[in-house]
Amino acid sequence: MAVDLALGLRDILDASAELASAEDEDAVLHIAIRRARQLVGTDLAYVMLLDPERGDTYMRMAEGATSPRFDTIRLGMGLGLGGQVAEAMAPRWTRNYLADEQYTHVIDPIIRDEGVKAILGVPVRTHGRLTGTLFTSDRRERAFSQDEITLVALLADQVSAALTAAERASRRQRDLDSTRDALDIAHAETARLSATVDLHERLTRLVIAGTTVPEIVDLVVDLEGGTAAVFDLAHREIG
C-alpha cells in the first residue's frame, strides 16, 4: 500500500520534534530507525555510520533484525547497495537485493540469514559530507515509491541535524566535566596550601613561645599523622 504523502510529511514533523529532544547519539539513532520502519511500514530498519579511519561504513544500530551477524556488517564505498548509497550520497533501492545484479554482492550470507529482500537506503549528510546511511527493509519483495524515498530522505536530513546537535551537547558536557575536574583539583590544592600556611603559622607561634622541639614534633604528628623525628647536625636524634 502506497504511503500518503501528506500523512508522511506530518510524521516527519513529529519525528523532527522527537529528534530535537534526543540527548545523545544513541537516542537519535533509536528514534531514526523506529521512525523509518513506521514511515514506510517495513520489517526492519538500521543505520550504518562512516568510519573515517577505515574509509568504510559499519552497522551502528538496527531494529527488527534477528540474525546475530547482522550487527557485524561493514561495507566499503561502492560495495553492495549501502556502499553505493555512501559513495554516491544518493538514495538506492531494490525490490530483491539477492537477485539484483546491479550491486556487488559482498554480504549475501548475512542478508540471506536475515531473510531481507527489499532494501531502501538513503544518505545521512552533515554539511554536505557523509555521516552514514539510513535503511529500511522488508523480508518480502516490494517496490519503494518516489514519495516513500522522499520521506525517508527527509527523515535522514532530520537525523543529521539531530546528530549534530547531540554531538555539540556531548562536547559541551565533556568541556563542563573537564572544567569541573580542574576546579576540584584547584580547590584541593588551595585547601592543601591553606593547611600548610596554617601549620607554619602555628609552629612559628610555638617556637616564639619557647615550646621544646619534642613537643613541636608531637604536635606535628598529632596534626598530620604518621611518625616524625628530629636530628641535629651530627645526625643524632633530639629528644
C-alpha atoms as a PDB file:
ATOM      1  CA  MET A   1       0.000   0.000   0.000  1.00  0.00           C
ATOM      2  CA  ALA A   2       1.378   3.396  -1.015  1.00  0.00           C
ATOM      3  CA  VAL A   3       2.255   5.912   1.647  1.00  0.00           C
ATOM      4  CA  ASP A   4       0.058   9.010   1.867  1.00  0.00           C
ATOM      5  CA  LEU A   5       2.496  11.897   1.300  1.00  0.00           C
ATOM      6  CA  ALA A   6       0.569  14.381   3.441  1.00  0.00           C
ATOM      7  CA  LEU A   7       0.414  11.964   6.352  1.00  0.00           C
ATOM      8  CA  GLY A   8       4.041  11.095   5.813  1.00  0.00           C
ATOM      9  CA  LEU A   9       5.065  14.754   5.984  1.00  0.00           C
ATOM     10  CA  ARG A  10       3.143  15.087   9.239  1.00  0.00           C
ATOM     11  CA  ASP A  11       5.035  12.078  10.559  1.00  0.00           C
ATOM     12  CA  ILE A  12       8.299  13.757   9.551  1.00  0.00           C
ATOM     13  CA  LEU A  13       7.337  16.843  11.561  1.00  0.00           C
ATOM     14  CA  ASP A  14       6.536  14.636  14.559  1.00  0.00           C
ATOM     15  CA  ALA A  15       9.855  12.829  14.123  1.00  0.00           C
ATOM     16  CA  SER A  16      11.698  16.151  13.929  1.00  0.00           C
ATOM     17  CA  ALA A  17      10.227  17.246  17.264  1.00  0.00           C
ATOM     18  CA  GLU A  18      11.117  13.923  18.864  1.00  0.00           C
ATOM     19  CA  LEU A  19      14.650  14.014  17.464  1.00  0.00           C
ATOM     20  CA  ALA A  20      15.133  17.542  18.786  1.00  0.00           C
ATOM     21  CA  SER A  21      14.586  16.241  22.314  1.00  0.00           C
ATOM     22  CA  ALA A  22      17.181  13.448  21.989  1.00  0.00           C
ATOM     23  CA  GLU A  23      20.116  13.895  24.356  1.00  0.00           C
ATOM     24  CA  ASP A  24      22.773  11.750  22.687  1.00  0.00           C
ATOM     25  CA  GLU A  25      23.666   9.768  19.574  1.00  0.00           C
ATOM     26  CA  ASP A  26      22.079   6.528  20.786  1.00  0.00           C
ATOM     27  CA  ALA A  27      18.762   8.251  21.409  1.00  0.00           C
ATOM     28  CA  VAL A  28      18.861   9.896  17.971  1.00  0.00           C
ATOM     29  CA  LEU A  29      19.529   6.608  16.202  1.00  0.00           C
ATOM     30  CA  HIS A  30      16.851   4.724  18.161  1.00  0.00           C
ATOM     31  CA  ILE A  31      14.299   7.314  17.080  1.00  0.00           C
ATOM     32  CA  ALA A  32      15.577   7.281  13.494  1.00  0.00           C
ATOM     33  CA  ILE A  33      15.229   3.550  12.881  1.00  0.00           C
ATOM     34  CA  ARG A  34      11.911   3.286  14.706  1.00  0.00           C
ATOM     35  CA  ARG A  35      10.501   6.174  12.686  1.00  0.00           C
ATOM     36  CA  ALA A  36      11.884   4.772   9.413  1.00  0.00           C
ATOM     37  CA  ARG A  37      10.064   1.480   9.971  1.00  0.00           C
ATOM     38  CA  GLN A  38       6.832   3.247  10.827  1.00  0.00           C
ATOM     39  CA  LEU A  39       7.119   5.705   7.959  1.00  0.00           C
ATOM     40  CA  VAL A  40       7.304   3.085   5.203  1.00  0.00           C
ATOM     41  CA  GLY A  41       5.883   0.076   7.047  1.00  0.00           C
ATOM     42  CA  THR A  42       8.837  -2.301   6.828  1.00  0.00           C
ATOM     43  CA  ASP A  43      10.101  -5.257   8.843  1.00  0.00           C
ATOM     44  CA  LEU A  44      13.395  -3.713   9.916  1.00  0.00           C
ATOM     45  CA  ALA A  45      15.441  -0.530   9.775  1.00  0.00           C
ATOM     46  CA  TYR A  46      19.054   0.199  10.560  1.00  0.00           C
ATOM     47  CA  VAL A  47      21.771   2.834  10.495  1.00  0.00           C
ATOM     48  CA  MET A  48      25.349   2.429   9.297  1.00  0.00           C
ATOM     49  CA  LEU A  49      27.864   5.138  10.162  1.00  0.00           C
ATOM     50  CA  LEU A  50      31.015   6.226   8.385  1.00  0.00           C
ATOM     51  CA  ASP A  51      34.343   5.077   9.834  1.00  0.00           C
ATOM     52  CA  PRO A  52      36.697   7.878   8.695  1.00  0.00           C
ATOM     53  CA  GLU A  53      39.840   5.948   9.621  1.00  0.00           C
ATOM     54  CA  ARG A  54      38.936   2.825   7.631  1.00  0.00           C
ATOM     55  CA  GLY A  55      37.026   4.610   4.918  1.00  0.00           C
ATOM     56  CA  ASP A  56      34.012   2.303   5.119  1.00  0.00           C
ATOM     57  CA  THR A  57      30.647   2.149   6.869  1.00  0.00           C
ATOM     58  CA  TYR A  58      29.723  -0.112   9.780  1.00  0.00           C
ATOM     59  CA  MET A  59      26.469  -1.267  11.337  1.00  0.00           C
ATOM     60  CA  ARG A  60      25.714   1.043  14.262  1.00  0.00           C
ATOM     61  CA  MET A  61      22.145   0.182  15.246  1.00  0.00           C
ATOM     62  CA  ALA A  62      19.266  -1.958  13.955  1.00  0.00           C
ATOM     63  CA  GLU A  63      15.641  -2.588  14.867  1.00  0.00           C
ATOM     64  CA  GLY A  64      13.758  -5.669  13.752  1.00  0.00           C
ATOM     65  CA  ALA A  65      16.840  -7.705  12.831  1.00  0.00           C
ATOM     66  CA  THR A  66      17.168 -11.250  14.194  1.00  0.00           C
ATOM     67  CA  SER A  67      20.475 -12.592  12.859  1.00  0.00           C
ATOM     68  CA  PRO A  68      23.445 -12.080  15.245  1.00  0.00           C
ATOM     69  CA  ARG A  69      25.686 -11.484  12.229  1.00  0.00           C
ATOM     70  CA  PHE A  70      23.597  -8.535  11.074  1.00  0.00           C
ATOM     71  CA  ASP A  71      25.327  -6.304  13.623  1.00  0.00           C
ATOM     72  CA  THR A  72      28.741  -7.165  12.125  1.00  0.00           C
ATOM     73  CA  ILE A  73      28.110  -5.734   8.646  1.00  0.00           C
ATOM     74  CA  ARG A  74      30.758  -3.419   7.192  1.00  0.00           C
ATOM     75  CA  LEU A  75      30.628  -2.061   3.648  1.00  0.00           C
ATOM     76  CA  GLY A  76      33.318  -0.337   1.646  1.00  0.00           C
ATOM     77  CA  MET A  77      32.480   2.552  -0.653  1.00  0.00           C
ATOM     78  CA  GLY A  78      30.646   1.322  -3.746  1.00  0.00           C
ATOM     79  CA  LEU A  79      30.127  -2.204  -2.419  1.00  0.00           C
ATOM     80  CA  GLY A  80      26.594  -3.503  -2.131  1.00  0.00           C
ATOM     81  CA  LEU A  81      23.575  -1.239  -2.034  1.00  0.00           C
ATOM     82  CA  GLY A  82      24.763   0.506   1.115  1.00  0.00           C
ATOM     83  CA  GLY A  83      28.204   1.128  -0.339  1.00  0.00           C
ATOM     84  CA  GLN A  84      26.614   2.728  -3.400  1.00  0.00           C
ATOM     85  CA  VAL A  85      24.478   4.981  -1.203  1.00  0.00           C
ATOM     86  CA  ALA A  86      27.608   6.029   0.694  1.00  0.00           C
ATOM     87  CA  GLU A  87      29.701   6.573  -2.424  1.00  0.00           C
ATOM     88  CA  ALA A  88      27.090   8.451  -4.458  1.00  0.00           C
ATOM     89  CA  MET A  89      25.445  10.092  -1.422  1.00  0.00           C
ATOM     90  CA  ALA A  90      22.114   9.397  -3.088  1.00  0.00           C
ATOM     91  CA  PRO A  91      19.199   7.032  -2.397  1.00  0.00           C
ATOM     92  CA  ARG A  92      19.265   3.482  -3.742  1.00  0.00           C
ATOM     93  CA  TRP A  93      16.638   0.767  -3.525  1.00  0.00           C
ATOM     94  CA  THR A  94      15.938  -2.754  -4.699  1.00  0.00           C
ATOM     95  CA  ARG A  95      12.860  -4.971  -4.588  1.00  0.00           C
ATOM     96  CA  ASN A  96      15.002  -8.115  -4.127  1.00  0.00           C
ATOM     97  CA  TYR A  97      18.613  -7.497  -3.173  1.00  0.00           C
ATOM     98  CA  LEU A  98      19.943 -11.039  -3.615  1.00  0.00           C
ATOM     99  CA  ALA A  99      18.549 -11.217  -7.157  1.00  0.00           C
ATOM    100  CA  ASP A 100      19.649  -7.713  -8.132  1.00  0.00           C
ATOM    101  CA  GLU A 101      22.747  -7.876 -10.342  1.00  0.00           C
ATOM    102  CA  GLN A 102      23.458  -4.135 -10.309  1.00  0.00           C
ATOM    103  CA  TYR A 103      25.086  -4.449  -6.873  1.00  0.00           C
ATOM    104  CA  THR A 104      28.369  -6.029  -5.828  1.00  0.00           C
ATOM    105  CA  HIS A 105      27.316  -8.835  -3.502  1.00  0.00           C
ATOM    106  CA  VAL A 106      29.734  -8.984  -0.545  1.00  0.00           C
ATOM    107  CA  ILE A 107      27.414  -9.693   2.414  1.00  0.00           C
ATOM    108  CA  ASP A 108      24.945 -12.117   0.827  1.00  0.00           C
ATOM    109  CA  PRO A 109      25.232 -14.798   3.565  1.00  0.00           C
ATOM    110  CA  ILE A 110      24.219 -12.265   6.215  1.00  0.00           C
ATOM    111  CA  ILE A 111      21.383 -10.892   4.099  1.00  0.00           C
ATOM    112  CA  ARG A 112      20.213 -14.446   3.417  1.00  0.00           C
ATOM    113  CA  ASP A 113      20.300 -15.302   7.150  1.00  0.00           C
ATOM    114  CA  GLU A 114      18.222 -12.231   7.912  1.00  0.00           C
ATOM    115  CA  GLY A 115      15.771 -13.004   5.111  1.00  0.00           C
ATOM    116  CA  VAL A 116      15.981  -9.487   3.697  1.00  0.00           C
ATOM    117  CA  LYS A 117      14.725  -8.842   0.178  1.00  0.00           C
ATOM    118  CA  ALA A 118      13.619  -5.247  -0.404  1.00  0.00           C
ATOM    119  CA  ILE A 119      16.003  -2.507   0.768  1.00  0.00           C
ATOM    120  CA  LEU A 120      15.837   1.274   0.634  1.00  0.00           C
ATOM    121  CA  GLY A 121      18.908   3.227   1.674  1.00  0.00           C
ATOM    122  CA  VAL A 122      19.427   6.996   1.900  1.00  0.00           C
ATOM    123  CA  PRO A 123      22.491   9.023   2.929  1.00  0.00           C
ATOM    124  CA  VAL A 124      22.800  10.899   6.203  1.00  0.00           C
ATOM    125  CA  ARG A 125      24.826  14.034   5.447  1.00  0.00           C
ATOM    126  CA  THR A 126      26.248  16.797   7.611  1.00  0.00           C
ATOM    127  CA  HIS A 127      27.333  19.997   5.871  1.00  0.00           C
ATOM    128  CA  GLY A 128      27.476  18.098   2.588  1.00  0.00           C
ATOM    129  CA  ARG A 129      29.674  15.325   3.946  1.00  0.00           C
ATOM    130  CA  LEU A 130      28.663  11.729   4.566  1.00  0.00           C
ATOM    131  CA  THR A 131      27.846  10.796   8.166  1.00  0.00           C
ATOM    132  CA  GLY A 132      26.227   7.454   7.464  1.00  0.00           C
ATOM    133  CA  THR A 133      23.313   5.700   5.787  1.00  0.00           C
ATOM    134  CA  LEU A 134      19.745   5.049   6.924  1.00  0.00           C
ATOM    135  CA  PHE A 135      17.989   1.906   5.682  1.00  0.00           C
ATOM    136  CA  THR A 136      14.509   0.465   5.837  1.00  0.00           C
ATOM    137  CA  SER A 137      13.994  -3.111   4.615  1.00  0.00           C
ATOM    138  CA  ASP A 138      11.436  -5.863   4.124  1.00  0.00           C
ATOM    139  CA  ARG A 139      11.561  -9.639   4.126  1.00  0.00           C
ATOM    140  CA  ARG A 140       9.277  -9.680   1.103  1.00  0.00           C
ATOM    141  CA  GLU A 141       9.664  -8.279  -2.373  1.00  0.00           C
ATOM    142  CA  ARG A 142       8.305  -4.788  -2.747  1.00  0.00           C
ATOM    143  CA  ALA A 143       8.915  -1.591  -4.644  1.00  0.00           C
ATOM    144  CA  PHE A 144       9.525   1.778  -2.989  1.00  0.00           C
ATOM    145  CA  SER A 145       7.623   4.712  -4.431  1.00  0.00           C
ATOM    146  CA  GLN A 146       9.179   8.109  -5.050  1.00  0.00           C
ATOM    147  CA  ASP A 147       7.101   9.511  -2.180  1.00  0.00           C
ATOM    148  CA  GLU A 148       8.500   6.858   0.180  1.00  0.00           C
ATOM    149  CA  ILE A 149      12.052   7.582  -0.952  1.00  0.00           C
ATOM    150  CA  THR A 150      11.473  11.308  -0.450  1.00  0.00           C
ATOM    151  CA  LEU A 151      10.047  10.811   3.029  1.00  0.00           C
ATOM    152  CA  VAL A 152      12.906   8.579   4.214  1.00  0.00           C
ATOM    153  CA  ALA A 153      15.406  11.057   2.739  1.00  0.00           C
ATOM    154  CA  LEU A 154      13.688  13.878   4.640  1.00  0.00           C
ATOM    155  CA  LEU A 155      13.884  11.799   7.810  1.00  0.00           C
ATOM    156  CA  ALA A 156      17.609  11.280   7.201  1.00  0.00           C
ATOM    157  CA  ASP A 157      18.049  15.064   6.977  1.00  0.00           C
ATOM    158  CA  GLN A 158      16.352  15.446  10.368  1.00  0.00           C
ATOM    159  CA  VAL A 159      18.574  12.698  11.773  1.00  0.00           C
ATOM    160  CA  SER A 160      21.655  14.540  10.529  1.00  0.00           C
ATOM    161  CA  ALA A 161      20.592  17.752  12.275  1.00  0.00           C
ATOM    162  CA  ALA A 162      19.832  15.848  15.489  1.00  0.00           C
ATOM    163  CA  LEU A 163      23.204  14.056  15.427  1.00  0.00           C
ATOM    164  CA  THR A 164      24.973  17.401  15.024  1.00  0.00           C
ATOM    165  CA  ALA A 165      23.037  18.864  17.964  1.00  0.00           C
ATOM    166  CA  ALA A 166      23.720  15.778  20.092  1.00  0.00           C
ATOM    167  CA  GLU A 167      27.437  15.964  19.332  1.00  0.00           C
ATOM    168  CA  ARG A 168      27.515  19.634  20.327  1.00  0.00           C
ATOM    169  CA  ALA A 169      25.686  18.818  23.558  1.00  0.00           C
ATOM    170  CA  SER A 170      28.119  15.973  24.285  1.00  0.00           C
ATOM    171  CA  ARG A 171      31.067  18.263  23.596  1.00  0.00           C
ATOM    172  CA  ARG A 172      29.679  20.907  25.946  1.00  0.00           C
ATOM    173  CA  GLN A 173      29.164  18.253  28.617  1.00  0.00           C
ATOM    174  CA  ARG A 174      32.737  16.989  28.171  1.00  0.00           C
ATOM    175  CA  ASP A 175      34.036  20.564  28.458  1.00  0.00           C
ATOM    176  CA  LEU A 176      31.913  21.112  31.554  1.00  0.00           C
ATOM    177  CA  ASP A 177      33.165  17.889  33.132  1.00  0.00           C
ATOM    178  CA  SER A 178      36.754  18.841  32.326  1.00  0.00           C
ATOM    179  CA  THR A 179      36.279  22.298  33.865  1.00  0.00           C
ATOM    180  CA  ARG A 180      34.655  20.765  36.951  1.00  0.00           C
ATOM    181  CA  ASP A 181      37.566  18.343  37.365  1.00  0.00           C
ATOM    182  CA  ALA A 182      40.066  21.181  37.023  1.00  0.00           C
ATOM    183  CA  LEU A 183      38.196  23.211  39.648  1.00  0.00           C
ATOM    184  CA  ASP A 184      38.128  20.251  42.021  1.00  0.00           C
ATOM    185  CA  ILE A 185      41.890  19.871  41.635  1.00  0.00           C
ATOM    186  CA  ALA A 186      42.401  23.618  42.178  1.00  0.00           C
ATOM    187  CA  HIS A 187      40.201  23.605  45.273  1.00  0.00           C
ATOM    188  CA  ALA A 188      42.088  20.627  46.695  1.00  0.00           C
ATOM    189  CA  GLU A 189      45.423  22.351  46.049  1.00  0.00           C
ATOM    190  CA  THR A 190      44.161  25.581  47.639  1.00  0.00           C
ATOM    191  CA  ALA A 191      42.997  23.663  50.703  1.00  0.00           C
ATOM    192  CA  ARG A 192      46.373  21.908  50.939  1.00  0.00           C
ATOM    193  CA  LEU A 193      48.274  25.202  50.694  1.00  0.00           C
ATOM    194  CA  SER A 194      45.956  26.836  53.231  1.00  0.00           C
ATOM    195  CA  ALA A 195      46.547  23.966  55.665  1.00  0.00           C
ATOM    196  CA  THR A 196      50.312  24.250  55.130  1.00  0.00           C
ATOM    197  CA  VAL A 197      50.276  28.001  55.810  1.00  0.00           C
ATOM    198  CA  ASP A 198      48.136  27.488  58.903  1.00  0.00           C
ATOM    199  CA  LEU A 199      50.519  24.819  60.223  1.00  0.00           C
ATOM    200  CA  HIS A 200      53.513  27.047  59.569  1.00  0.00           C
ATOM    201  CA  GLU A 201      51.917  29.916  61.468  1.00  0.00           C
ATOM    202  CA  ARG A 202      51.074  27.669  64.445  1.00  0.00           C
ATOM    203  CA  LEU A 203      54.594  26.258  64.577  1.00  0.00           C
ATOM    204  CA  THR A 204      56.064  29.753  64.410  1.00  0.00           C
ATOM    205  CA  ARG A 205      53.959  30.849  67.373  1.00  0.00           C
ATOM    206  CA  LEU A 206      55.061  27.768  69.349  1.00  0.00           C
ATOM    207  CA  VAL A 207      58.734  28.416  68.625  1.00  0.00           C
ATOM    208  CA  ILE A 208      58.363  32.071  69.703  1.00  0.00           C
ATOM    209  CA  ALA A 209      56.612  30.893  72.863  1.00  0.00           C
ATOM    210  CA  GLY A 210      59.622  28.695  73.726  1.00  0.00           C
ATOM    211  CA  THR A 211      57.991  25.314  73.125  1.00  0.00           C
ATOM    212  CA  THR A 212      60.558  22.493  73.096  1.00  0.00           C
ATOM    213  CA  VAL A 213      61.413  20.608  69.916  1.00  0.00           C
ATOM    214  CA  PRO A 214      59.950  17.242  71.093  1.00  0.00           C
ATOM    215  CA  GLU A 215      56.694  18.992  71.927  1.00  0.00           C
ATOM    216  CA  ILE A 216      56.585  20.567  68.476  1.00  0.00           C
ATOM    217  CA  VAL A 217      57.279  17.184  66.874  1.00  0.00           C
ATOM    218  CA  ASP A 218      54.473  15.590  68.866  1.00  0.00           C
ATOM    219  CA  LEU A 219      52.101  18.347  67.745  1.00  0.00           C
ATOM    220  CA  VAL A 220      53.029  17.846  64.074  1.00  0.00           C
ATOM    221  CA  VAL A 221      52.382  14.098  64.392  1.00  0.00           C
ATOM    222  CA  ASP A 222      49.014  14.769  66.020  1.00  0.00           C
ATOM    223  CA  LEU A 223      48.049  17.138  63.186  1.00  0.00           C
ATOM    224  CA  GLU A 224      49.489  15.297  60.187  1.00  0.00           C
ATOM    225  CA  GLY A 225      49.526  11.679  61.342  1.00  0.00           C
ATOM    226  CA  GLY A 226      52.355   9.185  60.897  1.00  0.00           C
ATOM    227  CA  THR A 227      55.624   9.407  62.784  1.00  0.00           C
ATOM    228  CA  ALA A 228      58.378  12.036  62.944  1.00  0.00           C
ATOM    229  CA  ALA A 229      61.823  12.501  64.406  1.00  0.00           C
ATOM    230  CA  VAL A 230      64.269  15.417  64.641  1.00  0.00           C
ATOM    231  CA  PHE A 231      68.042  15.108  64.257  1.00  0.00           C
ATOM    232  CA  ASP A 232      70.832  17.596  64.992  1.00  0.00           C
ATOM    233  CA  LEU A 233      73.622  18.465  62.589  1.00  0.00           C
ATOM    234  CA  ALA A 234      75.575  15.411  63.749  1.00  0.00           C
ATOM    235  CA  HIS A 235      72.633  13.204  62.755  1.00  0.00           C
ATOM    236  CA  ARG A 236      71.762  12.473  66.392  1.00  0.00           C
ATOM    237  CA  GLU A 237      68.083  12.194  67.238  1.00  0.00           C
ATOM    238  CA  ILE A 238      66.917  15.006  69.509  1.00  0.00           C
ATOM    239  CA  GLY A 239      64.617  14.176  72.401  1.00  0.00           C
END
